[in-house]
Amino acid sequence: MPTKAPYDAAAGARSRRNWRELNSVSSQPSPLTCDRMVTYTVAVNDDDHVFKALADPTRRFLLDLLFEQDGRTLTELEAGLRMTRFGVMKHLRILEEARLVITRRSGRTKLHFLNPVPIRLVHDRWIDKYTEPWAATLTGLKRNLEQTMEKLFEIYIKTTPERLWRAIIDPELRSMFTFGVGVYSDWQPGSSYVGRTTDLTVSPNMTICEGENLEVDPPRRLVQTFRAMWSDDVKGEGTSVVTWEIRPVGDSCRLTVVHSQLRDGANPQLYGGWPMVLSGLKTLLETGELLTTPGSQQYLKPRSAAQAA
């Protein structure tokens, strides 16, 4: 019959200490996934959310539906899928967390809109490194974003509402993220404004757009009519409305741009540049640098010549 081992005080102390350490560690957030094959760090950035959202074929299909027709209800999106309403809602929630989908209420109806800005940011950061497959995909996405009467764009910028407002209305700052175009106005409700190319561009002093300031509420909201003037094709599109909305979120701001009252089938040039404009604005305010993707530089003089001017 086995005899009982004598009590080891040192071993007992070690055991109690190990137990306390185990409980202390387990109460803290762990960076591990419990998968022995992979370990993730705690930090998750915006790109991670976008890639996660795009990784699922169902979510890509939901984006395809919004490409075809923006501003759809949950019922309309659910009709295109063989899954429960709750399942569709879960996928939409992930797309919303990645800011690829923005919801907006119209009366009692909740509408879903595509927000291409996160895709633009991924494009600006990664395409120069991994050109071919992603470039083809994202170019196709952009072609399909431009079908409806109203377009919504949203971005988060680490800045204050005051700095963001100044970047929107100051001609010199504005020209640094809008292809070299400065916007000039006294910024009073009912006053006019004009957008002109500056000496940064290859064609200075050219009128690009004009309109009227309908609402001016610094640093929260700016509503303007918009008439494009840069070519005969866009001049015939008439007047639309652009709304800038700034909301502080912690140490950052959520900027939403709504381009509305576009005619059905309007020229994509009217709103196709917004993702790049907002990407340039984010880059400028967060880093002090200009966006250097080829599209953002297409109307600018070579950097040395522009700086000399």
C-alpha atoms as a PDB file:
ATOM      1  CA  MET A   1       0.000   0.000   0.000  1.00  0.00           C
ATOM      2  CA  PRO A   2       1.556   3.341  -1.064  1.00  0.00           C
ATOM      3  CA  THR A   3       2.522   5.699   1.682  1.00  0.00           C
ATOM      4  CA  LYS A   4       1.695   9.416   1.659  1.00  0.00           C
ATOM      5  CA  ALA A   5       4.589  11.613   0.528  1.00  0.00           C
ATOM      6  CA  PRO A   6       5.815  14.072   3.132  1.00  0.00           C
ATOM      7  CA  TYR A   7       4.572  17.645   2.693  1.00  0.00           C
ATOM      8  CA  ASP A   8       7.013  19.835   0.746  1.00  0.00           C
ATOM      9  CA  ALA A   9       6.552  23.447   1.925  1.00  0.00           C
ATOM     10  CA  ALA A  10       8.706  24.917  -0.868  1.00  0.00           C
ATOM     11  CA  ALA A  11       6.740  23.063  -3.562  1.00  0.00           C
ATOM     12  CA  GLY A  12       3.468  24.202  -1.999  1.00  0.00           C
ATOM     13  CA  ALA A  13       4.613  27.824  -2.073  1.00  0.00           C
ATOM     14  CA  ARG A  14       5.632  27.495  -5.731  1.00  0.00           C
ATOM     15  CA  SER A  15       2.262  25.984  -6.603  1.00  0.00           C
ATOM     16  CA  ARG A  16       0.358  28.793  -4.895  1.00  0.00           C
ATOM     17  CA  ARG A  17       2.539  31.403  -6.594  1.00  0.00           C
ATOM     18  CA  ASN A  18       2.026  29.814 -10.007  1.00  0.00           C
ATOM     19  CA  TRP A  19      -1.738  29.726  -9.410  1.00  0.00           C
ATOM     20  CA  ARG A  20      -1.800  33.434  -8.547  1.00  0.00           C
ATOM     21  CA  GLU A  21       0.268  34.302 -11.638  1.00  0.00           C
ATOM     22  CA  LEU A  22      -1.969  32.194 -13.868  1.00  0.00           C
ATOM     23  CA  ASN A  23      -5.097  33.940 -12.611  1.00  0.00           C
ATOM     24  CA  SER A  24      -3.449  37.343 -12.936  1.00  0.00           C
ATOM     25  CA  VAL A  25      -2.477  36.690 -16.558  1.00  0.00           C
ATOM     26  CA  SER A  26      -5.837  35.182 -17.497  1.00  0.00           C
ATOM     27  CA  SER A  27      -7.657  38.324 -16.354  1.00  0.00           C
ATOM     28  CA  GLN A  28      -5.793  40.420 -18.920  1.00  0.00           C
ATOM     29  CA  PRO A  29      -6.644  40.577 -22.644  1.00  0.00           C
ATOM     30  CA  SER A  30      -4.596  37.959 -24.471  1.00  0.00           C
ATOM     31  CA  PRO A  31      -2.942  38.606 -27.852  1.00  0.00           C
ATOM     32  CA  LEU A  32      -3.328  34.917 -28.732  1.00  0.00           C
ATOM     33  CA  THR A  33      -6.085  33.279 -30.774  1.00  0.00           C
ATOM     34  CA  CYS A  34      -5.706  29.842 -29.064  1.00  0.00           C
ATOM     35  CA  ASP A  35      -4.678  28.541 -32.468  1.00  0.00           C
ATOM     36  CA  ARG A  36      -1.257  26.876 -32.174  1.00  0.00           C
ATOM     37  CA  MET A  37      -0.547  27.637 -35.838  1.00  0.00           C
ATOM     38  CA  VAL A  38      -0.764  31.435 -35.676  1.00  0.00           C
ATOM     39  CA  THR A  39      -0.448  34.325 -33.244  1.00  0.00           C
ATOM     40  CA  TYR A  40      -1.852  37.828 -33.795  1.00  0.00           C
ATOM     41  CA  THR A  41      -0.822  41.083 -32.179  1.00  0.00           C
ATOM     42  CA  VAL A  42      -3.382  43.106 -30.247  1.00  0.00           C
ATOM     43  CA  ALA A  43      -3.226  46.094 -32.614  1.00  0.00           C
ATOM     44  CA  VAL A  44      -5.864  46.071 -35.378  1.00  0.00           C
ATOM     45  CA  ASN A  45      -5.918  48.895 -37.901  1.00  0.00           C
ATOM     46  CA  ASP A  46      -8.430  50.072 -40.481  1.00  0.00           C
ATOM     47  CA  ASP A  47      -6.842  48.019 -43.267  1.00  0.00           C
ATOM     48  CA  ASP A  48      -7.338  44.852 -41.195  1.00  0.00           C
ATOM     49  CA  HIS A  49     -11.074  45.528 -40.944  1.00  0.00           C
ATOM     50  CA  VAL A  50     -11.334  46.156 -44.694  1.00  0.00           C
ATOM     51  CA  PHE A  51      -9.419  43.008 -45.643  1.00  0.00           C
ATOM     52  CA  LYS A  52     -11.498  40.948 -43.196  1.00  0.00           C
ATOM     53  CA  ALA A  53     -14.717  42.334 -44.652  1.00  0.00           C
ATOM     54  CA  LEU A  54     -13.648  41.653 -48.238  1.00  0.00           C
ATOM     55  CA  ALA A  55     -12.412  38.133 -47.445  1.00  0.00           C
ATOM     56  CA  ASP A  56     -15.913  36.632 -47.319  1.00  0.00           C
ATOM     57  CA  PRO A  57     -17.729  35.882 -50.630  1.00  0.00           C
ATOM     58  CA  THR A  58     -21.140  36.699 -49.137  1.00  0.00           C
ATOM     59  CA  ARG A  59     -19.968  40.157 -48.128  1.00  0.00           C
ATOM     60  CA  ARG A  60     -18.420  40.716 -51.539  1.00  0.00           C
ATOM     61  CA  PHE A  61     -21.760  39.750 -53.069  1.00  0.00           C
ATOM     62  CA  LEU A  62     -23.545  42.278 -50.854  1.00  0.00           C
ATOM     63  CA  LEU A  63     -21.127  44.932 -52.087  1.00  0.00           C
ATOM     64  CA  ASP A  64     -21.854  43.823 -55.662  1.00  0.00           C
ATOM     65  CA  LEU A  65     -25.557  44.394 -55.027  1.00  0.00           C
ATOM     66  CA  LEU A  66     -24.821  47.907 -53.783  1.00  0.00           C
ATOM     67  CA  PHE A  67     -22.558  48.486 -56.786  1.00  0.00           C
ATOM     68  CA  GLU A  68     -25.507  47.745 -59.045  1.00  0.00           C
ATOM     69  CA  GLN A  69     -27.939  49.895 -57.064  1.00  0.00           C
ATOM     70  CA  ASP A  70     -26.991  51.976 -54.058  1.00  0.00           C
ATOM     71  CA  GLY A  71     -29.324  52.925 -51.210  1.00  0.00           C
ATOM     72  CA  ARG A  72     -30.959  49.483 -50.721  1.00  0.00           C
ATOM     73  CA  THR A  73     -32.999  48.256 -47.775  1.00  0.00           C
ATOM     74  CA  LEU A  74     -32.213  45.115 -45.783  1.00  0.00           C
ATOM     75  CA  THR A  75     -35.192  43.383 -47.410  1.00  0.00           C
ATOM     76  CA  GLU A  76     -33.834  44.152 -50.889  1.00  0.00           C
ATOM     77  CA  LEU A  77     -30.371  42.851 -49.985  1.00  0.00           C
ATOM     78  CA  GLU A  78     -31.781  39.755 -48.281  1.00  0.00           C
ATOM     79  CA  ALA A  79     -33.741  38.830 -51.411  1.00  0.00           C
ATOM     80  CA  GLY A  80     -30.501  38.164 -53.301  1.00  0.00           C
ATOM     81  CA  LEU A  81     -29.139  35.657 -50.762  1.00  0.00           C
ATOM     82  CA  ARG A  82     -30.122  32.181 -49.579  1.00  0.00           C
ATOM     83  CA  MET A  83     -29.707  32.835 -45.877  1.00  0.00           C
ATOM     84  CA  THR A  84     -31.696  34.144 -42.956  1.00  0.00           C
ATOM     85  CA  ARG A  85     -32.369  37.816 -42.396  1.00  0.00           C
ATOM     86  CA  PHE A  86     -30.269  37.586 -39.232  1.00  0.00           C
ATOM     87  CA  GLY A  87     -27.335  36.166 -41.221  1.00  0.00           C
ATOM     88  CA  VAL A  88     -27.484  39.040 -43.715  1.00  0.00           C
ATOM     89  CA  MET A  89     -27.568  41.510 -40.817  1.00  0.00           C
ATOM     90  CA  LYS A  90     -24.398  39.964 -39.347  1.00  0.00           C
ATOM     91  CA  HIS A  91     -22.547  40.344 -42.656  1.00  0.00           C
ATOM     92  CA  LEU A  92     -23.754  43.937 -43.045  1.00  0.00           C
ATOM     93  CA  ARG A  93     -22.561  44.703 -39.518  1.00  0.00           C
ATOM     94  CA  ILE A  94     -19.020  43.619 -40.450  1.00  0.00           C
ATOM     95  CA  LEU A  95     -19.157  45.766 -43.602  1.00  0.00           C
ATOM     96  CA  GLU A  96     -20.324  48.711 -41.488  1.00  0.00           C
ATOM     97  CA  GLU A  97     -17.513  48.169 -38.978  1.00  0.00           C
ATOM     98  CA  ALA A  98     -15.062  48.361 -41.886  1.00  0.00           C
ATOM     99  CA  ARG A  99     -16.903  51.532 -43.060  1.00  0.00           C
ATOM    100  CA  LEU A 100     -17.482  49.914 -46.463  1.00  0.00           C
ATOM    101  CA  VAL A 101     -21.230  50.327 -45.946  1.00  0.00           C
ATOM    102  CA  ILE A 102     -22.939  53.386 -44.443  1.00  0.00           C
ATOM    103  CA  THR A 103     -26.551  53.358 -43.320  1.00  0.00           C
ATOM    104  CA  ARG A 104     -28.893  56.306 -43.521  1.00  0.00           C
ATOM    105  CA  ARG A 105     -32.559  56.633 -42.602  1.00  0.00           C
ATOM    106  CA  SER A 106     -35.173  57.943 -45.005  1.00  0.00           C
ATOM    107  CA  GLY A 107     -38.311  58.251 -42.925  1.00  0.00           C
ATOM    108  CA  ARG A 108     -38.841  54.841 -41.305  1.00  0.00           C
ATOM    109  CA  THR A 109     -36.670  53.079 -43.906  1.00  0.00           C
ATOM    110  CA  LYS A 110     -33.006  52.248 -43.284  1.00  0.00           C
ATOM    111  CA  LEU A 111     -30.955  52.467 -46.481  1.00  0.00           C
ATOM    112  CA  HIS A 112     -27.504  50.991 -47.116  1.00  0.00           C
ATOM    113  CA  PHE A 113     -24.905  52.864 -49.185  1.00  0.00           C
ATOM    114  CA  LEU A 114     -21.482  51.863 -50.426  1.00  0.00           C
ATOM    115  CA  ASN A 115     -18.568  53.912 -49.014  1.00  0.00           C
ATOM    116  CA  PRO A 116     -15.573  53.506 -51.366  1.00  0.00           C
ATOM    117  CA  VAL A 117     -13.153  55.591 -49.278  1.00  0.00           C
ATOM    118  CA  PRO A 118     -11.666  52.634 -47.293  1.00  0.00           C
ATOM    119  CA  ILE A 119     -11.020  50.842 -50.578  1.00  0.00           C
ATOM    120  CA  ARG A 120      -9.290  53.973 -51.848  1.00  0.00           C
ATOM    121  CA  LEU A 121      -7.085  54.075 -48.739  1.00  0.00           C
ATOM    122  CA  VAL A 122      -6.142  50.408 -49.188  1.00  0.00           C
ATOM    123  CA  HIS A 123      -5.428  51.143 -52.846  1.00  0.00           C
ATOM    124  CA  ASP A 124      -3.161  54.092 -51.986  1.00  0.00           C
ATOM    125  CA  ARG A 125      -1.184  52.102 -49.438  1.00  0.00           C
ATOM    126  CA  TRP A 126      -0.864  48.708 -51.095  1.00  0.00           C
ATOM    127  CA  ILE A 127      -1.297  48.846 -54.864  1.00  0.00           C
ATOM    128  CA  ASP A 128       2.191  50.141 -55.598  1.00  0.00           C
ATOM    129  CA  LYS A 129       3.510  47.035 -53.815  1.00  0.00           C
ATOM    130  CA  TYR A 130       1.152  44.390 -55.215  1.00  0.00           C
ATOM    131  CA  THR A 131      -0.025  45.879 -58.440  1.00  0.00           C
ATOM    132  CA  GLU A 132      -1.714  43.475 -60.802  1.00  0.00           C
ATOM    133  CA  PRO A 133      -4.472  41.444 -59.061  1.00  0.00           C
ATOM    134  CA  TRP A 134      -5.618  44.176 -56.655  1.00  0.00           C
ATOM    135  CA  ALA A 135      -5.396  46.942 -59.223  1.00  0.00           C
ATOM    136  CA  ALA A 136      -7.693  45.071 -61.577  1.00  0.00           C
ATOM    137  CA  THR A 137     -10.162  44.340 -58.774  1.00  0.00           C
ATOM    138  CA  LEU A 138     -10.293  47.830 -57.292  1.00  0.00           C
ATOM    139  CA  THR A 139     -10.512  49.508 -60.685  1.00  0.00           C
ATOM    140  CA  GLY A 140     -13.518  47.320 -61.419  1.00  0.00           C
ATOM    141  CA  LEU A 141     -15.064  48.280 -58.082  1.00  0.00           C
ATOM    142  CA  LYS A 142     -14.612  51.976 -58.798  1.00  0.00           C
ATOM    143  CA  ARG A 143     -16.280  51.651 -62.213  1.00  0.00           C
ATOM    144  CA  ASN A 144     -19.319  50.142 -60.545  1.00  0.00           C
ATOM    145  CA  LEU A 145     -19.646  52.698 -57.747  1.00  0.00           C
ATOM    146  CA  GLU A 146     -21.180  55.362 -59.912  1.00  0.00           C
ATOM    147  CA  GLN A 147     -24.782  54.564 -60.697  1.00  0.00           C
ATOM    148  CA  THR A 148     -27.120  56.416 -58.365  1.00  0.00           C
ATOM    149  CA  MET A 149     -28.640  59.780 -57.515  1.00  0.00           C
ATOM    150  CA  GLU A 150     -26.781  60.177 -54.218  1.00  0.00           C
ATOM    151  CA  LYS A 151     -23.266  59.162 -53.191  1.00  0.00           C
ATOM    152  CA  LEU A 152     -21.951  58.943 -49.623  1.00  0.00           C
ATOM    153  CA  PHE A 153     -18.307  59.014 -48.579  1.00  0.00           C
ATOM    154  CA  GLU A 154     -17.006  58.694 -45.024  1.00  0.00           C
ATOM    155  CA  ILE A 155     -13.578  58.794 -43.444  1.00  0.00           C
ATOM    156  CA  TYR A 156     -12.038  59.094 -39.975  1.00  0.00           C
ATOM    157  CA  ILE A 157      -9.195  61.594 -39.545  1.00  0.00           C
ATOM    158  CA  LYS A 158      -7.065  62.088 -36.447  1.00  0.00           C
ATOM    159  CA  THR A 159      -7.461  65.844 -36.081  1.00  0.00           C
ATOM    160  CA  THR A 160      -9.699  68.455 -34.477  1.00  0.00           C
ATOM    161  CA  PRO A 161     -12.934  69.815 -36.016  1.00  0.00           C
ATOM    162  CA  GLU A 162     -11.323  73.250 -36.253  1.00  0.00           C
ATOM    163  CA  ARG A 163      -8.287  72.018 -38.219  1.00  0.00           C
ATOM    164  CA  LEU A 164     -10.507  69.950 -40.484  1.00  0.00           C
ATOM    165  CA  TRP A 165     -12.843  72.880 -41.153  1.00  0.00           C
ATOM    166  CA  ARG A 166      -9.894  75.155 -41.965  1.00  0.00           C
ATOM    167  CA  ALA A 167      -8.492  72.622 -44.435  1.00  0.00           C
ATOM    168  CA  ILE A 168     -11.858  72.600 -46.249  1.00  0.00           C
ATOM    169  CA  ILE A 169     -12.260  76.392 -46.563  1.00  0.00           C
ATOM    170  CA  ASP A 170      -8.655  77.646 -46.770  1.00  0.00           C
ATOM    171  CA  PRO A 171      -7.662  77.923 -50.476  1.00  0.00           C
ATOM    172  CA  GLU A 172      -4.000  77.112 -49.895  1.00  0.00           C
ATOM    173  CA  LEU A 173      -4.679  74.037 -47.772  1.00  0.00           C
ATOM    174  CA  ARG A 174      -7.550  72.934 -50.009  1.00  0.00           C
ATOM    175  CA  SER A 175      -5.332  72.997 -53.094  1.00  0.00           C
ATOM    176  CA  MET A 176      -2.975  70.512 -51.427  1.00  0.00           C
ATOM    177  CA  PHE A 177      -5.530  67.678 -51.507  1.00  0.00           C
ATOM    178  CA  THR A 178      -7.861  68.644 -54.399  1.00  0.00           C
ATOM    179  CA  PHE A 179      -5.516  68.258 -57.371  1.00  0.00           C
ATOM    180  CA  GLY A 180      -4.183  71.816 -56.991  1.00  0.00           C
ATOM    181  CA  VAL A 181      -7.600  73.539 -56.917  1.00  0.00           C
ATOM    182  CA  GLY A 182      -8.227  76.289 -54.350  1.00  0.00           C
ATOM    183  CA  VAL A 183     -11.774  77.252 -53.333  1.00  0.00           C
ATOM    184  CA  TYR A 184     -12.444  80.963 -52.735  1.00  0.00           C
ATOM    185  CA  SER A 185     -15.381  82.485 -50.832  1.00  0.00           C
ATOM    186  CA  ASP A 186     -16.259  84.689 -47.845  1.00  0.00           C
ATOM    187  CA  TRP A 187     -17.983  81.591 -46.421  1.00  0.00           C
ATOM    188  CA  GLN A 188     -21.241  83.281 -45.464  1.00  0.00           C
ATOM    189  CA  PRO A 189     -24.670  81.623 -45.943  1.00  0.00           C
ATOM    190  CA  GLY A 190     -26.012  82.621 -49.345  1.00  0.00           C
ATOM    191  CA  SER A 191     -22.632  83.728 -50.687  1.00  0.00           C
ATOM    192  CA  SER A 192     -20.986  82.293 -53.784  1.00  0.00           C
ATOM    193  CA  TYR A 193     -17.758  80.362 -54.119  1.00  0.00           C
ATOM    194  CA  VAL A 194     -15.467  79.461 -57.013  1.00  0.00           C
ATOM    195  CA  GLY A 195     -12.848  76.729 -57.388  1.00  0.00           C
ATOM    196  CA  ARG A 196      -9.795  77.677 -59.468  1.00  0.00           C
ATOM    197  CA  THR A 197      -6.548  75.941 -60.303  1.00  0.00           C
ATOM    198  CA  THR A 198      -3.480  77.382 -58.597  1.00  0.00           C
ATOM    199  CA  ASP A 199       0.173  77.718 -59.561  1.00  0.00           C
ATOM    200  CA  LEU A 200       0.647  74.144 -58.370  1.00  0.00           C
ATOM    201  CA  THR A 201      -1.065  72.879 -61.531  1.00  0.00           C
ATOM    202  CA  VAL A 202      -0.076  72.654 -65.172  1.00  0.00           C
ATOM    203  CA  SER A 203      -2.983  75.011 -66.092  1.00  0.00           C
ATOM    204  CA  PRO A 204      -3.230  77.787 -63.460  1.00  0.00           C
ATOM    205  CA  ASN A 205      -6.232  80.129 -63.014  1.00  0.00           C
ATOM    206  CA  MET A 206      -8.762  77.817 -64.653  1.00  0.00           C
ATOM    207  CA  THR A 207     -12.286  77.762 -63.190  1.00  0.00           C
ATOM    208  CA  ILE A 208     -13.095  74.200 -62.124  1.00  0.00           C
ATOM    209  CA  CYS A 209     -16.351  74.575 -60.185  1.00  0.00           C
ATOM    210  CA  GLU A 210     -18.692  77.177 -58.722  1.00  0.00           C
ATOM    211  CA  GLY A 211     -21.796  77.359 -56.578  1.00  0.00           C
ATOM    212  CA  GLU A 212     -23.532  78.824 -53.556  1.00  0.00           C
ATOM    213  CA  ASN A 213     -23.018  78.263 -49.830  1.00  0.00           C
ATOM    214  CA  LEU A 214     -26.445  77.127 -48.585  1.00  0.00           C
ATOM    215  CA  GLU A 215     -25.459  76.357 -44.959  1.00  0.00           C
ATOM    216  CA  VAL A 216     -22.282  77.446 -43.168  1.00  0.00           C
ATOM    217  CA  ASP A 217     -22.024  76.156 -39.594  1.00  0.00           C
ATOM    218  CA  PRO A 218     -18.350  75.987 -38.561  1.00  0.00           C
ATOM    219  CA  PRO A 219     -16.833  73.622 -37.634  1.00  0.00           C
ATOM    220  CA  ARG A 220     -19.713  71.178 -38.103  1.00  0.00           C
ATOM    221  CA  ARG A 221     -21.576  71.449 -41.389  1.00  0.00           C
ATOM    222  CA  LEU A 222     -21.175  72.992 -44.833  1.00  0.00           C
ATOM    223  CA  VAL A 223     -23.807  72.600 -47.564  1.00  0.00           C
ATOM    224  CA  GLN A 224     -23.085  73.894 -51.079  1.00  0.00           C
ATOM    225  CA  THR A 225     -24.540  73.738 -54.537  1.00  0.00           C
ATOM    226  CA  PHE A 226     -22.019  72.411 -57.044  1.00  0.00           C
ATOM    227  CA  ARG A 227     -21.638  73.131 -60.764  1.00  0.00           C
ATOM    228  CA  ALA A 228     -18.711  71.494 -62.548  1.00  0.00           C
ATOM    229  CA  MET A 229     -16.976  73.712 -65.115  1.00  0.00           C
ATOM    230  CA  TRP A 230     -13.867  71.876 -66.242  1.00  0.00           C
ATOM    231  CA  SER A 231     -15.266  70.511 -69.521  1.00  0.00           C
ATOM    232  CA  ASP A 232     -18.288  70.788 -71.812  1.00  0.00           C
ATOM    233  CA  ASP A 233     -19.316  67.250 -70.833  1.00  0.00           C
ATOM    234  CA  VAL A 234     -19.728  68.102 -67.150  1.00  0.00           C
ATOM    235  CA  LYS A 235     -21.128  71.606 -67.645  1.00  0.00           C
ATOM    236  CA  GLY A 236     -24.273  70.054 -69.084  1.00  0.00           C
ATOM    237  CA  GLU A 237     -24.883  68.053 -65.878  1.00  0.00           C
ATOM    238  CA  GLY A 238     -26.344  71.085 -64.114  1.00  0.00           C
ATOM    239  CA  THR A 239     -26.346  71.702 -60.354  1.00  0.00           C
ATOM    240  CA  SER A 240     -25.964  69.137 -57.582  1.00  0.00           C
ATOM    241  CA  VAL A 241     -25.449  69.523 -53.816  1.00  0.00           C
ATOM    242  CA  VAL A 242     -22.410  68.655 -51.682  1.00  0.00           C
ATOM    243  CA  THR A 243     -22.754  68.375 -47.887  1.00  0.00           C
ATOM    244  CA  TRP A 244     -19.752  68.198 -45.545  1.00  0.00           C
ATOM    245  CA  GLU A 245     -20.523  66.941 -42.006  1.00  0.00           C
ATOM    246  CA  ILE A 246     -17.889  66.879 -39.244  1.00  0.00           C
ATOM    247  CA  ARG A 247     -18.437  64.933 -36.013  1.00  0.00           C
ATOM    248  CA  PRO A 248     -15.773  64.636 -33.275  1.00  0.00           C
ATOM    249  CA  VAL A 249     -15.066  61.046 -32.198  1.00  0.00           C
ATOM    250  CA  GLY A 250     -12.562  60.864 -29.349  1.00  0.00           C
ATOM    251  CA  ASP A 251      -9.317  62.452 -30.546  1.00  0.00           C
ATOM    252  CA  SER A 252     -10.441  62.189 -34.181  1.00  0.00           C
ATOM    253  CA  CYS A 253     -13.195  63.375 -36.513  1.00  0.00           C
ATOM    254  CA  ARG A 254     -15.663  61.518 -38.678  1.00  0.00           C
ATOM    255  CA  LEU A 255     -16.056  63.366 -41.968  1.00  0.00           C
ATOM    256  CA  THR A 256     -19.061  62.460 -44.119  1.00  0.00           C
ATOM    257  CA  VAL A 257     -19.461  63.911 -47.599  1.00  0.00           C
ATOM    258  CA  VAL A 258     -22.832  63.481 -49.315  1.00  0.00           C
ATOM    259  CA  HIS A 259     -23.021  64.351 -53.010  1.00  0.00           C
ATOM    260  CA  SER A 260     -26.735  64.470 -53.771  1.00  0.00           C
ATOM    261  CA  GLN A 261     -29.270  65.652 -56.371  1.00  0.00           C
ATOM    262  CA  LEU A 262     -27.261  64.047 -59.156  1.00  0.00           C
ATOM    263  CA  ARG A 263     -29.272  63.124 -62.190  1.00  0.00           C
ATOM    264  CA  ASP A 264     -29.741  59.420 -62.837  1.00  0.00           C
ATOM    265  CA  GLY A 265     -26.753  58.299 -64.903  1.00  0.00           C
ATOM    266  CA  ALA A 266     -24.781  61.489 -64.223  1.00  0.00           C
ATOM    267  CA  ASN A 267     -21.233  61.773 -65.568  1.00  0.00           C
ATOM    268  CA  PRO A 268     -18.948  59.817 -63.171  1.00  0.00           C
ATOM    269  CA  GLN A 269     -16.403  62.647 -63.308  1.00  0.00           C
ATOM    270  CA  LEU A 270     -18.672  64.625 -60.980  1.00  0.00           C
ATOM    271  CA  TYR A 271     -18.093  62.343 -57.992  1.00  0.00           C
ATOM    272  CA  GLY A 272     -15.498  59.736 -58.957  1.00  0.00           C
ATOM    273  CA  GLY A 273     -12.677  61.795 -57.433  1.00  0.00           C
ATOM    274  CA  TRP A 274     -14.071  62.016 -53.898  1.00  0.00           C
ATOM    275  CA  PRO A 275     -12.270  58.928 -52.507  1.00  0.00           C
ATOM    276  CA  MET A 276      -8.908  60.317 -53.639  1.00  0.00           C
ATOM    277  CA  VAL A 277      -9.725  63.821 -52.346  1.00  0.00           C
ATOM    278  CA  LEU A 278     -10.614  62.495 -48.894  1.00  0.00           C
ATOM    279  CA  SER A 279      -7.566  60.229 -48.842  1.00  0.00           C
ATOM    280  CA  GLY A 280      -5.419  63.265 -49.616  1.00  0.00           C
ATOM    281  CA  LEU A 281      -7.123  65.266 -46.862  1.00  0.00           C
ATOM    282  CA  LYS A 282      -6.470  62.506 -44.313  1.00  0.00           C
ATOM    283  CA  THR A 283      -2.828  62.210 -45.392  1.00  0.00           C
ATOM    284  CA  LEU A 284      -2.270  65.969 -45.164  1.00  0.00           C
ATOM    285  CA  LEU A 285      -3.790  66.436 -41.709  1.00  0.00           C
ATOM    286  CA  GLU A 286      -2.272  63.330 -40.141  1.00  0.00           C
ATOM    287  CA  THR A 287       1.228  63.459 -41.667  1.00  0.00           C
ATOM    288  CA  GLY A 288       1.690  66.927 -43.170  1.00  0.00           C
ATOM    289  CA  GLU A 289       2.541  65.270 -46.490  1.00  0.00           C
ATOM    290  CA  LEU A 290       0.833  65.292 -49.898  1.00  0.00           C
ATOM    291  CA  LEU A 291      -0.692  62.144 -51.352  1.00  0.00           C
ATOM    292  CA  THR A 292       1.699  60.909 -54.035  1.00  0.00           C
ATOM    293  CA  THR A 293      -0.356  58.300 -55.874  1.00  0.00           C
ATOM    294  CA  PRO A 294      -0.318  58.876 -59.657  1.00  0.00           C
ATOM    295  CA  GLY A 295      -3.983  59.920 -59.772  1.00  0.00           C
ATOM    296  CA  SER A 296      -3.509  62.619 -57.145  1.00  0.00           C
ATOM    297  CA  GLN A 297      -0.557  64.063 -59.070  1.00  0.00           C
ATOM    298  CA  GLN A 298      -1.995  63.969 -62.583  1.00  0.00           C
ATOM    299  CA  TYR A 299      -2.804  67.709 -62.841  1.00  0.00           C
ATOM    300  CA  LEU A 300       0.121  69.017 -60.789  1.00  0.00           C
ATOM    301  CA  LYS A 301       3.434  70.366 -61.962  1.00  0.00           C
ATOM    302  CA  PRO A 302       6.482  68.265 -61.111  1.00  0.00           C
ATOM    303  CA  ARG A 303       7.129  68.761 -57.407  1.00  0.00           C
ATOM    304  CA  SER A 304      10.290  70.875 -57.784  1.00  0.00           C
ATOM    305  CA  ALA A 305       8.619  73.238 -60.275  1.00  0.00           C
ATOM    306  CA  ALA A 306       5.524  73.576 -58.115  1.00  0.00           C
ATOM    307  CA  GLN A 307       7.597  74.400 -55.049  1.00  0.00           C
ATOM    308  CA  ALA A 308       9.561  77.016 -56.964  1.00  0.00           C
ATOM    309  CA  ALA A 309       6.293  78.685 -58.080  1.00  0.00           C
END
